[in-house]
Amino acid sequence: MDVIRRQPDRRRILHEDGNTAHRLRVEHDRARLFVELSGEDGKGPWTVMAVDRVSRRYAVAQGETKTAATEDAARALRDLLDP
């Protein structure tokens, strides 16, 4: 399972009113959804929830970068789905 392909038309970014550094991103492909939450200052640690679209099983991971947290969440989800 590869980490989601980055395509601008599939990326959704929200931020907190009054704190544009604090971001929440939602990315998806046909198989998975990724909810990526930055630290309060817009940096790490990032918290990422990966959700399998068919089963709705999910895994959560944290990392100092969005990429690291997303990769860890994707790997944990893969391990749940294919033990």
N, C-alpha and C. Protein backbone atom coordinates (compact mmCIF):
# COMPACT_ATOMS: atom_id res chain seq x y z
N MET A 1 0.85 -1.16 0.00
CA MET A 1 0.00 0.00 0.00
C MET A 1 0.90 1.23 0.00
N ASP A 2 0.86 2.00 -1.04
CA ASP A 2 1.65 3.22 -1.13
C ASP A 2 0.95 4.34 -0.37
N VAL A 3 1.75 5.29 0.07
CA VAL A 3 1.16 6.49 0.66
C VAL A 3 0.42 7.22 -0.45
N ILE A 4 -0.62 7.89 -0.10
CA ILE A 4 -1.51 8.54 -1.06
C ILE A 4 -0.73 9.43 -2.03
N ARG A 5 -1.15 9.41 -3.29
CA ARG A 5 -0.55 10.28 -4.29
C ARG A 5 -1.01 11.71 -4.03
N ARG A 6 -0.09 12.64 -4.13
CA ARG A 6 -0.40 14.05 -3.87
C ARG A 6 -0.93 14.71 -5.14
N GLN A 7 -2.20 15.05 -5.14
CA GLN A 7 -2.80 15.74 -6.28
C GLN A 7 -3.57 16.93 -5.73
N PRO A 8 -3.24 18.14 -6.18
CA PRO A 8 -3.88 19.34 -5.62
C PRO A 8 -5.40 19.30 -5.65
N ASP A 9 -6.00 18.70 -6.66
CA ASP A 9 -7.46 18.67 -6.74
C ASP A 9 -8.08 17.73 -5.70
N ARG A 10 -7.28 16.91 -5.05
CA ARG A 10 -7.78 15.99 -4.02
C ARG A 10 -7.42 16.46 -2.62
N ARG A 11 -6.73 17.53 -2.49
CA ARG A 11 -6.28 18.02 -1.19
C ARG A 11 -7.27 19.05 -0.67
N ARG A 12 -7.65 18.91 0.60
CA ARG A 12 -8.54 19.85 1.25
C ARG A 12 -7.83 20.34 2.50
N ILE A 13 -7.65 21.67 2.63
CA ILE A 13 -6.94 22.22 3.77
C ILE A 13 -7.85 23.21 4.49
N LEU A 14 -7.98 23.01 5.79
CA LEU A 14 -8.74 23.92 6.65
C LEU A 14 -7.78 24.47 7.69
N HIS A 15 -8.13 25.61 8.26
CA HIS A 15 -7.34 26.13 9.37
C HIS A 15 -8.28 26.77 10.38
N GLU A 16 -7.78 26.89 11.58
CA GLU A 16 -8.54 27.46 12.68
C GLU A 16 -8.70 28.96 12.49
N ASP A 17 -9.90 29.50 12.76
CA ASP A 17 -10.09 30.94 12.72
C ASP A 17 -9.13 31.60 13.69
N GLY A 18 -8.40 32.58 13.22
CA GLY A 18 -7.46 33.29 14.08
C GLY A 18 -6.12 32.60 14.26
N ASN A 19 -5.96 31.40 13.72
CA ASN A 19 -4.69 30.68 13.83
C ASN A 19 -4.48 29.89 12.54
N THR A 20 -4.09 30.60 11.50
CA THR A 20 -3.95 29.96 10.19
C THR A 20 -2.82 28.94 10.14
N ALA A 21 -1.92 28.96 11.12
CA ALA A 21 -0.83 27.97 11.15
C ALA A 21 -1.35 26.58 11.52
N HIS A 22 -2.41 26.53 12.32
CA HIS A 22 -2.97 25.25 12.77
C HIS A 22 -3.84 24.71 11.65
N ARG A 23 -3.41 23.61 11.02
CA ARG A 23 -4.07 23.13 9.81
C ARG A 23 -4.61 21.72 9.97
N LEU A 24 -5.66 21.47 9.24
CA LEU A 24 -6.23 20.13 9.11
C LEU A 24 -6.35 19.87 7.62
N ARG A 25 -5.79 18.78 7.16
CA ARG A 25 -5.83 18.42 5.74
C ARG A 25 -6.55 17.10 5.59
N VAL A 26 -7.31 16.99 4.53
CA VAL A 26 -7.97 15.73 4.20
C VAL A 26 -7.55 15.37 2.80
N GLU A 27 -6.98 14.18 2.66
CA GLU A 27 -6.58 13.68 1.35
C GLU A 27 -7.19 12.30 1.19
N HIS A 28 -7.39 11.90 -0.06
CA HIS A 28 -8.03 10.61 -0.29
C HIS A 28 -7.68 10.05 -1.65
N ASP A 29 -7.84 8.75 -1.76
CA ASP A 29 -7.81 8.07 -3.04
C ASP A 29 -8.97 7.08 -3.03
N ARG A 30 -9.03 6.18 -3.99
CA ARG A 30 -10.18 5.26 -4.05
C ARG A 30 -10.24 4.30 -2.87
N ALA A 31 -9.12 4.06 -2.21
CA ALA A 31 -9.07 3.07 -1.14
C ALA A 31 -9.06 3.66 0.27
N ARG A 32 -8.47 4.85 0.43
CA ARG A 32 -8.25 5.37 1.78
C ARG A 32 -8.54 6.85 1.91
N LEU A 33 -8.81 7.25 3.15
CA LEU A 33 -8.92 8.66 3.52
C LEU A 33 -7.81 8.94 4.53
N PHE A 34 -7.18 10.10 4.45
CA PHE A 34 -6.18 10.52 5.42
C PHE A 34 -6.61 11.86 6.00
N VAL A 35 -6.74 11.92 7.31
CA VAL A 35 -7.03 13.17 8.02
C VAL A 35 -5.74 13.55 8.73
N GLU A 36 -5.15 14.68 8.35
CA GLU A 36 -3.83 15.09 8.82
C GLU A 36 -3.95 16.39 9.61
N LEU A 37 -3.60 16.35 10.88
CA LEU A 37 -3.74 17.48 11.78
C LEU A 37 -2.37 17.95 12.23
N SER A 38 -2.07 19.23 11.98
CA SER A 38 -0.77 19.78 12.37
C SER A 38 -0.75 20.09 13.86
N GLY A 39 0.45 20.38 14.36
CA GLY A 39 0.56 20.89 15.72
C GLY A 39 -0.06 22.29 15.78
N GLU A 40 -0.24 22.81 16.97
CA GLU A 40 -0.88 24.11 17.13
C GLU A 40 -0.15 25.23 16.40
N ASP A 41 1.17 25.09 16.25
CA ASP A 41 1.96 26.13 15.59
C ASP A 41 2.13 25.87 14.09
N GLY A 42 1.44 24.84 13.58
CA GLY A 42 1.54 24.52 12.16
C GLY A 42 2.67 23.58 11.83
N LYS A 43 3.46 23.25 12.82
CA LYS A 43 4.56 22.31 12.62
C LYS A 43 4.19 21.01 13.31
N GLY A 44 5.19 20.22 13.66
CA GLY A 44 4.92 18.94 14.31
C GLY A 44 4.60 19.11 15.78
N PRO A 45 4.21 18.07 16.43
CA PRO A 45 3.98 16.79 15.78
C PRO A 45 2.67 16.78 15.01
N TRP A 46 2.65 16.01 13.92
CA TRP A 46 1.43 15.81 13.14
C TRP A 46 0.73 14.55 13.64
N THR A 47 -0.58 14.58 13.65
CA THR A 47 -1.39 13.42 13.97
C THR A 47 -2.17 13.07 12.71
N VAL A 48 -2.09 11.81 12.29
CA VAL A 48 -2.75 11.39 11.04
C VAL A 48 -3.60 10.16 11.32
N MET A 49 -4.84 10.22 10.83
CA MET A 49 -5.74 9.07 10.89
C MET A 49 -5.94 8.58 9.45
N ALA A 50 -5.64 7.31 9.22
CA ALA A 50 -5.86 6.67 7.92
C ALA A 50 -7.08 5.77 8.04
N VAL A 51 -8.02 5.90 7.10
CA VAL A 51 -9.27 5.14 7.14
C VAL A 51 -9.43 4.35 5.85
N ASP A 52 -9.68 3.05 5.98
CA ASP A 52 -10.00 2.21 4.82
C ASP A 52 -11.44 2.52 4.42
N ARG A 53 -11.66 2.90 3.16
CA ARG A 53 -12.99 3.34 2.73
C ARG A 53 -14.02 2.22 2.73
N VAL A 54 -13.62 0.98 2.49
CA VAL A 54 -14.58 -0.13 2.42
C VAL A 54 -14.97 -0.60 3.82
N SER A 55 -13.98 -0.92 4.63
CA SER A 55 -14.26 -1.52 5.95
C SER A 55 -14.46 -0.49 7.05
N ARG A 56 -13.98 0.74 6.83
CA ARG A 56 -13.97 1.81 7.83
C ARG A 56 -13.03 1.53 8.99
N ARG A 57 -12.15 0.55 8.84
CA ARG A 57 -11.11 0.33 9.85
C ARG A 57 -10.14 1.50 9.75
N TYR A 58 -9.51 1.83 10.84
CA TYR A 58 -8.64 2.99 10.84
C TYR A 58 -7.41 2.77 11.72
N ALA A 59 -6.41 3.59 11.48
CA ALA A 59 -5.18 3.59 12.28
C ALA A 59 -4.76 5.05 12.45
N VAL A 60 -4.15 5.33 13.58
CA VAL A 60 -3.70 6.68 13.90
C VAL A 60 -2.21 6.65 14.21
N ALA A 61 -1.50 7.65 13.73
CA ALA A 61 -0.06 7.74 14.02
C ALA A 61 0.32 9.20 14.23
N GLN A 62 1.43 9.41 14.91
CA GLN A 62 1.99 10.74 15.09
C GLN A 62 3.43 10.75 14.64
N GLY A 63 3.86 11.91 14.13
CA GLY A 63 5.24 12.06 13.70
C GLY A 63 5.61 13.52 13.65
N GLU A 64 6.88 13.81 13.63
CA GLU A 64 7.34 15.20 13.60
C GLU A 64 7.05 15.87 12.25
N THR A 65 6.90 15.08 11.19
CA THR A 65 6.53 15.64 9.89
C THR A 65 5.24 14.98 9.42
N LYS A 66 4.53 15.68 8.54
CA LYS A 66 3.28 15.14 8.00
C LYS A 66 3.56 13.87 7.22
N THR A 67 4.63 13.85 6.46
CA THR A 67 4.98 12.68 5.67
C THR A 67 5.25 11.47 6.56
N ALA A 68 6.03 11.66 7.62
CA ALA A 68 6.34 10.54 8.51
C ALA A 68 5.08 10.00 9.18
N ALA A 69 4.22 10.90 9.64
CA ALA A 69 2.99 10.45 10.30
C ALA A 69 2.06 9.76 9.32
N THR A 70 1.97 10.26 8.10
CA THR A 70 1.11 9.64 7.08
C THR A 70 1.63 8.26 6.71
N GLU A 71 2.94 8.14 6.52
CA GLU A 71 3.52 6.83 6.20
C GLU A 71 3.28 5.83 7.32
N ASP A 72 3.44 6.27 8.57
CA ASP A 72 3.22 5.37 9.70
C ASP A 72 1.76 4.95 9.81
N ALA A 73 0.84 5.89 9.59
CA ALA A 73 -0.59 5.56 9.64
C ALA A 73 -0.96 4.60 8.51
N ALA A 74 -0.42 4.82 7.31
CA ALA A 74 -0.70 3.94 6.18
C ALA A 74 -0.17 2.53 6.45
N ARG A 75 1.01 2.45 7.03
CA ARG A 75 1.62 1.16 7.36
C ARG A 75 0.79 0.44 8.43
N ALA A 76 0.37 1.18 9.45
CA ALA A 76 -0.44 0.58 10.52
C ALA A 76 -1.79 0.10 9.98
N LEU A 77 -2.38 0.86 9.06
CA LEU A 77 -3.66 0.44 8.46
C LEU A 77 -3.46 -0.81 7.64
N ARG A 78 -2.38 -0.86 6.87
CA ARG A 78 -2.08 -2.05 6.07
C ARG A 78 -1.93 -3.27 6.98
N ASP A 79 -1.25 -3.09 8.11
CA ASP A 79 -1.07 -4.20 9.06
C ASP A 79 -2.40 -4.67 9.64
N LEU A 80 -3.33 -3.75 9.87
CA LEU A 80 -4.67 -4.13 10.36
C LEU A 80 -5.45 -4.92 9.32
N LEU A 81 -5.32 -4.52 8.07
CA LEU A 81 -6.09 -5.13 7.00
C LEU A 81 -5.49 -6.45 6.51
N ASP A 82 -4.17 -6.56 6.57
CA ASP A 82 -3.46 -7.75 6.09
C ASP A 82 -2.52 -8.26 7.18
N PRO A 83 -3.06 -8.84 8.26
CA PRO A 83 -2.21 -9.26 9.39
C PRO A 83 -1.25 -10.37 9.01
